Amino acid sequence: MVTLVKQIIYHATAKSNWEKIRTTGFKIPKNDWAHFYMGGTRKKPGSLGYGLYGFWEDTELARLFISNTTSLKEHAIIRLTLEVEEEQTLNFFDNLEDIKLFRNFVLDSNLDRVIMSLRKLYRNSFKQHALDGALIESFIRKLKRDTEFSQIDCVISATSTSIYKRVELFVPNGVEYCIRTKKIITQYELE
């Protein structure tokens, strides 16, 4: 039996992007596997992989994020309603089984060459964890190839967003969703 869970997340973007989204919908970034392991991708993965990012139940964090990480004068906060199938979610927030699966993936000595290759191509910085995102992308690909997972619709994790002026902290200050497919977005509107 499929269990759908309704979630609300908030996505921050430029006001001009909101106008495009209103008319044509969201574009979800996809992984370019042909160039992924060679470093030739146009866009590096985000901290949770490729997708549309938003903050769970937290408009204030979305506003702080866009205000502190861009020079945009006009921005938009978009409220998205999601219907998430728990079985198609990679949950690093409160699912210990998913956390352990990923940990075992990274510790698997058979993957040392892949991980070393990714370490040369992608880096983690305070604001962006592209290496983490690349490892998550590889993990999802392996899950889909080797197990019963046919689809991962979103990745969830407690994250530390750069919003503090005086200090850089790694203590999580919110929960982030990385939406990998449009089908889970049931509604969106300007907040």
N, C-alpha and C. Protein backbone atom coordinates (compact mmCIF):
# COMPACT_ATOMS: atom_id res chain seq x y z
N MET A 1 0.84 -1.19 0.00
CA MET A 1 0.00 0.00 0.00
C MET A 1 0.88 1.25 0.00
N VAL A 2 0.56 2.18 -0.87
CA VAL A 2 1.32 3.42 -1.01
C VAL A 2 0.85 4.42 0.04
N THR A 3 1.80 4.97 0.79
CA THR A 3 1.50 5.98 1.79
C THR A 3 2.00 7.33 1.30
N LEU A 4 1.07 8.26 1.04
CA LEU A 4 1.45 9.60 0.62
C LEU A 4 1.39 10.53 1.83
N VAL A 5 2.43 11.33 1.98
CA VAL A 5 2.50 12.28 3.08
C VAL A 5 2.52 13.68 2.48
N LYS A 6 1.61 14.52 2.95
CA LYS A 6 1.54 15.90 2.48
C LYS A 6 2.55 16.74 3.25
N GLN A 7 3.36 17.51 2.53
CA GLN A 7 4.37 18.37 3.13
C GLN A 7 4.29 19.75 2.50
N ILE A 8 4.66 20.77 3.27
CA ILE A 8 4.75 22.13 2.77
C ILE A 8 6.21 22.56 2.86
N ILE A 9 6.74 23.04 1.73
CA ILE A 9 8.10 23.58 1.75
C ILE A 9 8.07 24.97 1.10
N TYR A 10 9.12 25.73 1.36
CA TYR A 10 9.24 27.10 0.84
C TYR A 10 10.52 27.23 0.04
N HIS A 11 10.36 27.69 -1.19
CA HIS A 11 11.47 27.86 -2.13
C HIS A 11 11.68 29.35 -2.36
N ALA A 12 12.93 29.80 -2.25
CA ALA A 12 13.25 31.21 -2.47
C ALA A 12 13.92 31.38 -3.83
N THR A 13 13.51 32.41 -4.57
CA THR A 13 14.08 32.64 -5.89
C THR A 13 13.94 34.12 -6.25
N ALA A 14 14.50 34.51 -7.38
CA ALA A 14 14.35 35.87 -7.89
C ALA A 14 12.90 36.09 -8.31
N LYS A 15 12.42 37.31 -8.14
CA LYS A 15 11.03 37.61 -8.52
C LYS A 15 10.79 37.34 -10.00
N SER A 16 11.79 37.61 -10.84
CA SER A 16 11.65 37.35 -12.28
C SER A 16 11.50 35.84 -12.55
N ASN A 17 12.14 35.01 -11.74
CA ASN A 17 11.97 33.56 -11.89
C ASN A 17 10.55 33.13 -11.55
N TRP A 18 9.93 33.79 -10.56
CA TRP A 18 8.56 33.46 -10.20
C TRP A 18 7.63 33.66 -11.40
N GLU A 19 7.85 34.73 -12.17
CA GLU A 19 7.01 34.98 -13.34
C GLU A 19 7.14 33.83 -14.35
N LYS A 20 8.35 33.33 -14.55
CA LYS A 20 8.55 32.19 -15.46
C LYS A 20 7.90 30.92 -14.91
N ILE A 21 8.07 30.70 -13.61
CA ILE A 21 7.49 29.50 -12.98
C ILE A 21 5.98 29.53 -13.09
N ARG A 22 5.38 30.70 -12.90
CA ARG A 22 3.92 30.84 -12.99
C ARG A 22 3.39 30.43 -14.36
N THR A 23 4.15 30.76 -15.40
CA THR A 23 3.66 30.47 -16.74
C THR A 23 4.08 29.10 -17.27
N THR A 24 5.28 28.65 -16.92
CA THR A 24 5.76 27.38 -17.50
C THR A 24 6.00 26.28 -16.48
N GLY A 25 5.86 26.58 -15.20
CA GLY A 25 6.09 25.56 -14.17
C GLY A 25 7.55 25.48 -13.79
N PHE A 26 7.84 24.60 -12.86
CA PHE A 26 9.21 24.42 -12.37
C PHE A 26 10.03 23.58 -13.34
N LYS A 27 11.31 23.91 -13.45
CA LYS A 27 12.28 23.07 -14.14
C LYS A 27 13.12 22.42 -13.06
N ILE A 28 13.13 21.11 -13.04
CA ILE A 28 13.90 20.37 -12.05
C ILE A 28 15.25 20.01 -12.67
N PRO A 29 16.36 20.50 -12.10
CA PRO A 29 17.68 20.13 -12.65
C PRO A 29 17.91 18.63 -12.60
N LYS A 30 18.45 18.09 -13.65
CA LYS A 30 18.74 16.65 -13.74
C LYS A 30 20.25 16.44 -13.82
N ASN A 31 20.67 15.26 -13.46
CA ASN A 31 22.07 14.90 -13.56
C ASN A 31 22.43 14.56 -15.00
N ASP A 32 23.55 15.07 -15.45
CA ASP A 32 24.09 14.76 -16.77
C ASP A 32 25.12 13.65 -16.60
N TRP A 33 24.65 12.39 -16.59
CA TRP A 33 25.53 11.25 -16.30
C TRP A 33 26.67 11.12 -17.31
N ALA A 34 26.46 11.59 -18.53
CA ALA A 34 27.52 11.48 -19.54
C ALA A 34 28.77 12.25 -19.13
N HIS A 35 28.59 13.32 -18.36
CA HIS A 35 29.73 14.15 -17.95
C HIS A 35 30.00 14.12 -16.45
N PHE A 36 29.16 13.46 -15.68
CA PHE A 36 29.22 13.50 -14.22
C PHE A 36 30.56 13.03 -13.66
N TYR A 37 31.07 11.91 -14.15
CA TYR A 37 32.31 11.35 -13.63
C TYR A 37 33.56 11.94 -14.28
N MET A 38 33.35 12.89 -15.21
CA MET A 38 34.48 13.55 -15.85
C MET A 38 34.61 15.01 -15.42
N GLY A 39 33.62 15.50 -14.67
CA GLY A 39 33.68 16.87 -14.19
C GLY A 39 33.21 17.89 -15.21
N GLY A 40 32.62 17.44 -16.30
CA GLY A 40 32.20 18.36 -17.34
C GLY A 40 30.75 18.82 -17.23
N THR A 41 30.14 18.62 -16.08
CA THR A 41 28.74 19.03 -15.93
C THR A 41 28.66 20.55 -15.89
N ARG A 42 27.59 21.09 -16.46
CA ARG A 42 27.40 22.54 -16.46
C ARG A 42 27.20 23.06 -15.05
N LYS A 43 26.50 22.30 -14.25
CA LYS A 43 26.17 22.74 -12.89
C LYS A 43 26.55 21.64 -11.91
N LYS A 44 27.24 22.03 -10.86
CA LYS A 44 27.62 21.06 -9.82
C LYS A 44 26.36 20.70 -9.02
N PRO A 45 26.34 19.51 -8.44
CA PRO A 45 25.18 19.14 -7.62
C PRO A 45 25.14 19.97 -6.34
N GLY A 46 23.93 20.20 -5.85
CA GLY A 46 23.77 20.84 -4.55
C GLY A 46 24.12 19.85 -3.45
N SER A 47 24.01 20.28 -2.22
CA SER A 47 24.40 19.45 -1.07
C SER A 47 23.62 18.15 -0.97
N LEU A 48 22.41 18.12 -1.52
CA LEU A 48 21.58 16.91 -1.48
C LEU A 48 21.39 16.32 -2.87
N GLY A 49 22.21 16.74 -3.83
CA GLY A 49 22.10 16.25 -5.20
C GLY A 49 21.41 17.26 -6.09
N TYR A 50 21.02 16.80 -7.27
CA TYR A 50 20.35 17.66 -8.24
C TYR A 50 18.86 17.72 -7.94
N GLY A 51 18.30 18.92 -8.01
CA GLY A 51 16.87 19.06 -7.80
C GLY A 51 16.50 20.48 -7.41
N LEU A 52 15.25 20.64 -7.07
CA LEU A 52 14.68 21.91 -6.63
C LEU A 52 14.68 21.91 -5.10
N TYR A 53 15.27 22.94 -4.51
CA TYR A 53 15.45 22.97 -3.06
C TYR A 53 14.41 23.85 -2.38
N GLY A 54 14.01 23.42 -1.19
CA GLY A 54 13.10 24.21 -0.38
C GLY A 54 13.23 23.84 1.08
N PHE A 55 12.74 24.73 1.93
CA PHE A 55 12.82 24.53 3.38
C PHE A 55 11.46 24.07 3.91
N TRP A 56 11.48 23.03 4.71
CA TRP A 56 10.27 22.42 5.26
C TRP A 56 9.65 23.34 6.30
N GLU A 57 8.39 23.75 6.03
CA GLU A 57 7.58 24.51 6.99
C GLU A 57 8.30 25.74 7.55
N ASP A 58 9.11 26.45 6.73
CA ASP A 58 9.93 27.52 7.29
C ASP A 58 10.12 28.67 6.29
N THR A 59 9.15 29.59 6.25
CA THR A 59 9.27 30.76 5.36
C THR A 59 10.41 31.67 5.80
N GLU A 60 10.61 31.79 7.10
CA GLU A 60 11.66 32.68 7.60
C GLU A 60 13.04 32.23 7.12
N LEU A 61 13.32 30.94 7.16
CA LEU A 61 14.62 30.45 6.70
C LEU A 61 14.78 30.68 5.19
N ALA A 62 13.72 30.52 4.43
CA ALA A 62 13.79 30.80 2.99
C ALA A 62 14.14 32.27 2.75
N ARG A 63 13.51 33.17 3.49
CA ARG A 63 13.81 34.61 3.36
C ARG A 63 15.25 34.92 3.79
N LEU A 64 15.67 34.36 4.90
CA LEU A 64 17.04 34.59 5.37
C LEU A 64 18.06 34.06 4.36
N PHE A 65 17.78 32.90 3.80
CA PHE A 65 18.68 32.30 2.81
C PHE A 65 18.85 33.22 1.62
N ILE A 66 17.76 33.66 1.02
CA ILE A 66 17.86 34.47 -0.20
C ILE A 66 18.45 35.84 0.10
N SER A 67 18.15 36.38 1.26
CA SER A 67 18.68 37.70 1.64
C SER A 67 20.18 37.65 1.92
N ASN A 68 20.65 36.57 2.51
CA ASN A 68 22.05 36.49 2.92
C ASN A 68 22.98 35.86 1.88
N THR A 69 22.44 35.23 0.87
CA THR A 69 23.30 34.56 -0.10
C THR A 69 23.26 35.18 -1.50
N THR A 70 22.40 36.17 -1.71
CA THR A 70 22.33 36.82 -3.02
C THR A 70 22.27 38.33 -2.82
N SER A 71 22.43 39.05 -3.91
CA SER A 71 22.28 40.51 -3.87
C SER A 71 20.96 40.93 -4.50
N LEU A 72 20.04 40.00 -4.62
CA LEU A 72 18.74 40.31 -5.23
C LEU A 72 18.00 41.38 -4.44
N LYS A 73 17.47 42.35 -5.15
CA LYS A 73 16.64 43.37 -4.50
C LYS A 73 15.21 42.86 -4.35
N GLU A 74 14.76 42.14 -5.37
CA GLU A 74 13.39 41.61 -5.34
C GLU A 74 13.45 40.09 -5.43
N HIS A 75 12.88 39.46 -4.44
CA HIS A 75 12.84 38.00 -4.45
C HIS A 75 11.42 37.52 -4.17
N ALA A 76 11.22 36.25 -4.40
CA ALA A 76 9.91 35.64 -4.18
C ALA A 76 10.09 34.39 -3.32
N ILE A 77 9.15 34.20 -2.41
CA ILE A 77 9.10 32.97 -1.63
C ILE A 77 7.89 32.20 -2.13
N ILE A 78 8.12 30.99 -2.60
CA ILE A 78 7.06 30.17 -3.18
C ILE A 78 6.73 29.04 -2.21
N ARG A 79 5.44 28.92 -1.93
CA ARG A 79 4.94 27.85 -1.05
C ARG A 79 4.56 26.67 -1.93
N LEU A 80 5.20 25.53 -1.71
CA LEU A 80 4.91 24.33 -2.48
C LEU A 80 4.24 23.30 -1.59
N THR A 81 3.19 22.70 -2.10
CA THR A 81 2.56 21.56 -1.44
C THR A 81 3.03 20.31 -2.16
N LEU A 82 3.55 19.38 -1.39
CA LEU A 82 4.07 18.13 -1.95
C LEU A 82 3.25 16.96 -1.44
N GLU A 83 3.12 15.95 -2.25
CA GLU A 83 2.62 14.66 -1.81
C GLU A 83 3.75 13.67 -2.04
N VAL A 84 4.36 13.28 -0.93
CA VAL A 84 5.58 12.49 -0.95
C VAL A 84 5.28 11.06 -0.56
N GLU A 85 5.74 10.14 -1.37
CA GLU A 85 5.64 8.72 -1.05
C GLU A 85 6.88 8.34 -0.25
N GLU A 86 6.69 7.98 1.00
CA GLU A 86 7.83 7.73 1.89
C GLU A 86 8.80 6.69 1.33
N GLU A 87 8.28 5.70 0.62
CA GLU A 87 9.13 4.65 0.06
C GLU A 87 10.02 5.17 -1.08
N GLN A 88 9.69 6.34 -1.62
CA GLN A 88 10.48 6.91 -2.71
C GLN A 88 11.21 8.17 -2.26
N THR A 89 11.51 8.21 -0.96
CA THR A 89 12.21 9.34 -0.36
C THR A 89 13.49 8.84 0.29
N LEU A 90 14.56 9.57 0.08
CA LEU A 90 15.80 9.31 0.79
C LEU A 90 15.83 10.31 1.94
N ASN A 91 15.68 9.80 3.17
CA ASN A 91 15.45 10.66 4.32
C ASN A 91 16.62 10.60 5.29
N PHE A 92 17.44 11.66 5.25
CA PHE A 92 18.57 11.78 6.18
C PHE A 92 18.20 12.63 7.39
N PHE A 93 16.92 12.89 7.56
CA PHE A 93 16.45 13.70 8.69
C PHE A 93 16.04 12.82 9.87
N ASP A 94 15.16 11.86 9.60
CA ASP A 94 14.69 11.04 10.72
C ASP A 94 14.48 9.57 10.36
N ASN A 95 15.21 9.10 9.33
CA ASN A 95 15.13 7.70 8.96
C ASN A 95 16.51 7.07 9.12
N LEU A 96 16.72 6.43 10.25
CA LEU A 96 18.03 5.85 10.57
C LEU A 96 18.44 4.78 9.55
N GLU A 97 17.48 4.07 9.01
CA GLU A 97 17.79 3.04 8.00
C GLU A 97 18.44 3.67 6.76
N ASP A 98 17.87 4.79 6.28
CA ASP A 98 18.45 5.49 5.13
C ASP A 98 19.85 6.02 5.45
N ILE A 99 20.01 6.56 6.65
CA ILE A 99 21.31 7.09 7.07
C ILE A 99 22.35 5.97 7.08
N LYS A 100 22.00 4.81 7.62
CA LYS A 100 22.93 3.68 7.68
C LYS A 100 23.25 3.15 6.28
N LEU A 101 22.24 3.08 5.41
CA LEU A 101 22.48 2.62 4.04
C LEU A 101 23.51 3.50 3.34
N PHE A 102 23.36 4.81 3.49
CA PHE A 102 24.30 5.74 2.86
C PHE A 102 25.69 5.61 3.48
N ARG A 103 25.74 5.51 4.79
CA ARG A 103 27.03 5.35 5.47
C ARG A 103 27.75 4.10 4.95
N ASN A 104 27.03 2.99 4.84
CA ASN A 104 27.63 1.75 4.34
C ASN A 104 28.08 1.88 2.89
N PHE A 105 27.34 2.64 2.10
CA PHE A 105 27.73 2.90 0.72
C PHE A 105 29.08 3.61 0.68
N VAL A 106 29.24 4.66 1.48
CA VAL A 106 30.48 5.43 1.48
C VAL A 106 31.64 4.60 2.04
N LEU A 107 31.36 3.72 2.99
CA LEU A 107 32.40 2.88 3.60
C LEU A 107 32.79 1.67 2.75
N ASP A 108 32.00 1.34 1.74
CA ASP A 108 32.24 0.15 0.91
C ASP A 108 33.56 0.30 0.14
N SER A 109 34.54 -0.54 0.46
CA SER A 109 35.86 -0.44 -0.16
C SER A 109 35.82 -0.74 -1.66
N ASN A 110 34.79 -1.43 -2.14
CA ASN A 110 34.65 -1.68 -3.58
C ASN A 110 34.40 -0.39 -4.36
N LEU A 111 34.00 0.66 -3.66
CA LEU A 111 33.69 1.93 -4.31
C LEU A 111 34.80 2.97 -4.13
N ASP A 112 35.93 2.56 -3.62
CA ASP A 112 37.03 3.50 -3.35
C ASP A 112 37.43 4.29 -4.60
N ARG A 113 37.53 3.63 -5.75
CA ARG A 113 37.94 4.34 -6.97
C ARG A 113 36.91 5.38 -7.38
N VAL A 114 35.65 5.02 -7.28
CA VAL A 114 34.58 5.96 -7.63
C VAL A 114 34.62 7.17 -6.70
N ILE A 115 34.75 6.91 -5.41
CA ILE A 115 34.76 8.00 -4.44
C ILE A 115 35.99 8.88 -4.63
N MET A 116 37.14 8.29 -4.88
CA MET A 116 38.36 9.08 -5.12
C MET A 116 38.20 9.94 -6.37
N SER A 117 37.58 9.40 -7.39
CA SER A 117 37.33 10.16 -8.62
C SER A 117 36.42 11.35 -8.34
N LEU A 118 35.36 11.11 -7.58
CA LEU A 118 34.43 12.20 -7.24
C LEU A 118 35.12 13.26 -6.39
N ARG A 119 36.00 12.84 -5.50
CA ARG A 119 36.72 13.80 -4.64
C ARG A 119 37.60 14.74 -5.47
N LYS A 120 38.08 14.28 -6.62
CA LYS A 120 38.90 15.14 -7.48
C LYS A 120 38.04 16.15 -8.24
N LEU A 121 36.79 15.80 -8.48
CA LEU A 121 35.92 16.64 -9.30
C LEU A 121 35.04 17.59 -8.51
N TYR A 122 34.66 17.20 -7.31
CA TYR A 122 33.69 17.96 -6.52
C TYR A 122 34.27 18.26 -5.14
N ARG A 123 33.94 19.42 -4.62
CA ARG A 123 34.44 19.86 -3.32
C ARG A 123 33.29 20.27 -2.41
N ASN A 124 33.52 20.12 -1.12
CA ASN A 124 32.61 20.66 -0.12
C ASN A 124 33.18 21.99 0.36
N SER A 125 32.33 23.01 0.41
CA SER A 125 32.70 24.27 1.03
C SER A 125 31.68 24.51 2.14
N PHE A 126 31.86 25.59 2.86
CA PHE A 126 30.90 25.84 3.94
C PHE A 126 29.48 26.01 3.40
N LYS A 127 29.34 26.76 2.31
CA LYS A 127 28.00 27.07 1.80
C LYS A 127 27.43 25.99 0.89
N GLN A 128 28.28 25.24 0.23
CA GLN A 128 27.80 24.25 -0.73
C GLN A 128 28.61 22.97 -0.59
N HIS A 129 27.92 21.87 -0.50
CA HIS A 129 28.58 20.56 -0.35
C HIS A 129 28.41 19.75 -1.64
N ALA A 130 29.11 20.16 -2.68
CA ALA A 130 28.98 19.50 -3.98
C ALA A 130 29.45 18.04 -3.93
N LEU A 131 30.47 17.75 -3.14
CA LEU A 131 30.93 16.36 -3.01
C LEU A 131 29.84 15.51 -2.35
N ASP A 132 29.22 16.02 -1.29
CA ASP A 132 28.11 15.30 -0.67
C ASP A 132 27.02 15.02 -1.70
N GLY A 133 26.66 16.06 -2.48
CA GLY A 133 25.63 15.89 -3.50
C GLY A 133 26.01 14.87 -4.55
N ALA A 134 27.29 14.88 -4.96
CA ALA A 134 27.76 13.91 -5.96
C ALA A 134 27.69 12.48 -5.40
N LEU A 135 28.07 12.32 -4.14
CA LEU A 135 27.98 11.00 -3.51
C LEU A 135 26.53 10.54 -3.39
N ILE A 136 25.63 11.46 -3.06
CA ILE A 136 24.20 11.11 -2.98
C ILE A 136 23.70 10.69 -4.36
N GLU A 137 24.09 11.41 -5.41
CA GLU A 137 23.69 11.03 -6.77
C GLU A 137 24.19 9.62 -7.11
N SER A 138 25.43 9.32 -6.78
CA SER A 138 25.98 7.98 -7.04
C SER A 138 25.26 6.92 -6.23
N PHE A 139 24.94 7.25 -4.99
CA PHE A 139 24.21 6.34 -4.10
C PHE A 139 22.83 6.02 -4.68
N ILE A 140 22.11 7.05 -5.12
CA ILE A 140 20.78 6.84 -5.69
C ILE A 140 20.88 5.98 -6.95
N ARG A 141 21.88 6.24 -7.77
CA ARG A 141 22.06 5.44 -8.99
C ARG A 141 22.29 3.98 -8.63
N LYS A 142 23.11 3.73 -7.61
CA LYS A 142 23.38 2.35 -7.17
C LYS A 142 22.12 1.72 -6.59
N LEU A 143 21.35 2.46 -5.81
CA LEU A 143 20.10 1.94 -5.25
C LEU A 143 19.15 1.50 -6.37
N LYS A 144 19.02 2.34 -7.38
CA LYS A 144 18.11 2.03 -8.49
C LYS A 144 18.60 0.83 -9.29
N ARG A 145 19.90 0.68 -9.40
CA ARG A 145 20.47 -0.42 -10.18
C ARG A 145 20.45 -1.75 -9.41
N ASP A 146 20.73 -1.71 -8.11
CA ASP A 146 20.96 -2.94 -7.34
C ASP A 146 19.81 -3.36 -6.43
N THR A 147 18.81 -2.53 -6.25
CA THR A 147 17.74 -2.85 -5.30
C THR A 147 16.38 -2.63 -5.92
N GLU A 148 15.38 -2.67 -5.07
CA GLU A 148 14.00 -2.51 -5.54
C GLU A 148 13.61 -1.05 -5.75
N PHE A 149 14.49 -0.10 -5.42
CA PHE A 149 14.16 1.31 -5.61
C PHE A 149 14.11 1.62 -7.10
N SER A 150 12.97 2.04 -7.58
CA SER A 150 12.88 2.42 -8.98
C SER A 150 12.98 3.93 -9.13
N GLN A 151 12.67 4.64 -8.06
CA GLN A 151 12.61 6.10 -8.14
C GLN A 151 12.86 6.70 -6.76
N ILE A 152 13.67 7.73 -6.70
CA ILE A 152 13.80 8.55 -5.50
C ILE A 152 13.28 9.93 -5.89
N ASP A 153 12.13 10.30 -5.33
CA ASP A 153 11.48 11.56 -5.69
C ASP A 153 12.05 12.76 -4.96
N CYS A 154 12.56 12.55 -3.75
CA CYS A 154 13.16 13.66 -3.02
C CYS A 154 14.13 13.16 -1.97
N VAL A 155 15.04 14.07 -1.60
CA VAL A 155 16.02 13.81 -0.55
C VAL A 155 15.74 14.84 0.54
N ILE A 156 15.73 14.38 1.79
CA ILE A 156 15.43 15.24 2.93
C ILE A 156 16.59 15.17 3.91
N SER A 157 16.98 16.33 4.45
CA SER A 157 18.04 16.33 5.46
C SER A 157 17.96 17.59 6.31
N ALA A 158 18.33 17.45 7.57
CA ALA A 158 18.58 18.63 8.40
C ALA A 158 19.87 19.24 7.87
N THR A 159 19.85 20.55 7.61
CA THR A 159 21.02 21.21 7.03
C THR A 159 21.35 22.49 7.78
N SER A 160 22.55 22.96 7.55
CA SER A 160 22.99 24.24 8.10
C SER A 160 23.09 25.22 6.94
N THR A 161 22.18 26.18 6.91
CA THR A 161 22.14 27.18 5.86
C THR A 161 22.90 28.42 6.34
N SER A 162 23.69 28.99 5.45
CA SER A 162 24.53 30.14 5.80
C SER A 162 23.67 31.39 5.96
N ILE A 163 23.29 31.69 7.20
CA ILE A 163 22.44 32.87 7.45
C ILE A 163 23.01 33.77 8.54
N TYR A 164 24.03 33.32 9.21
CA TYR A 164 24.57 34.08 10.33
C TYR A 164 25.69 34.99 9.85
N LYS A 165 25.68 36.23 10.29
CA LYS A 165 26.68 37.21 9.86
C LYS A 165 28.01 37.04 10.59
N ARG A 166 27.98 36.65 11.86
CA ARG A 166 29.18 36.66 12.71
C ARG A 166 29.90 35.33 12.79
N VAL A 167 29.28 34.24 12.35
CA VAL A 167 29.88 32.93 12.57
C VAL A 167 29.35 31.93 11.54
N GLU A 168 30.19 30.97 11.18
CA GLU A 168 29.77 29.87 10.31
C GLU A 168 29.57 28.64 11.19
N LEU A 169 28.35 28.14 11.22
CA LEU A 169 28.01 27.00 12.08
C LEU A 169 27.61 25.80 11.24
N PHE A 170 27.91 24.61 11.74
CA PHE A 170 27.47 23.38 11.11
C PHE A 170 26.26 22.78 11.81
N VAL A 171 25.82 23.38 12.91
CA VAL A 171 24.62 22.91 13.60
C VAL A 171 23.43 23.17 12.68
N PRO A 172 22.61 22.17 12.40
CA PRO A 172 21.47 22.38 11.50
C PRO A 172 20.54 23.49 12.00
N ASN A 173 20.05 24.30 11.05
CA ASN A 173 19.09 25.34 11.39
C ASN A 173 17.80 25.21 10.59
N GLY A 174 17.63 24.08 9.93
CA GLY A 174 16.42 23.83 9.18
C GLY A 174 16.44 22.45 8.56
N VAL A 175 15.33 22.13 7.90
CA VAL A 175 15.22 20.86 7.18
C VAL A 175 14.99 21.21 5.72
N GLU A 176 15.84 20.66 4.87
CA GLU A 176 15.78 20.96 3.45
C GLU A 176 15.28 19.76 2.66
N TYR A 177 14.50 20.06 1.63
CA TYR A 177 14.02 19.06 0.68
C TYR A 177 14.69 19.35 -0.66
N CYS A 178 15.16 18.31 -1.30
CA CYS A 178 15.65 18.40 -2.67
C CYS A 178 14.67 17.59 -3.52
N ILE A 179 13.84 18.29 -4.26
CA ILE A 179 12.80 17.65 -5.07
C ILE A 179 13.43 17.23 -6.40
N ARG A 180 13.30 15.95 -6.72
CA ARG A 180 13.94 15.39 -7.91
C ARG A 180 12.96 15.16 -9.06
N THR A 181 11.67 15.26 -8.79
CA THR A 181 10.66 15.05 -9.84
C THR A 181 9.46 15.96 -9.58
N LYS A 182 8.91 16.52 -10.67
CA LYS A 182 7.78 17.45 -10.53
C LYS A 182 6.51 16.77 -10.07
N LYS A 183 6.41 15.47 -10.28
CA LYS A 183 5.13 14.79 -10.01
C LYS A 183 4.69 14.89 -8.55
N ILE A 184 5.62 15.16 -7.62
CA ILE A 184 5.22 15.25 -6.21
C ILE A 184 4.74 16.65 -5.83
N ILE A 185 4.90 17.63 -6.73
CA ILE A 185 4.41 18.99 -6.47
C ILE A 185 2.95 19.05 -6.89
N THR A 186 2.06 19.19 -5.92
CA THR A 186 0.63 19.21 -6.23
C THR A 186 0.09 20.63 -6.35
N GLN A 187 0.79 21.59 -5.76
CA GLN A 187 0.31 22.97 -5.79
C GLN A 187 1.49 23.89 -5.46
N TYR A 188 1.47 25.10 -6.04
CA TYR A 188 2.46 26.10 -5.64
C TYR A 188 1.86 27.48 -5.82
N GLU A 189 2.27 28.39 -4.94
CA GLU A 189 1.75 29.76 -4.96
C GLU A 189 2.75 30.69 -4.30
N LEU A 190 2.65 31.96 -4.65
CA LEU A 190 3.50 32.96 -4.03
C LEU A 190 3.09 33.13 -2.58
N GLU A 191 4.06 33.13 -1.70
CA GLU A 191 3.78 33.28 -0.27
C GLU A 191 3.49 34.74 0.04
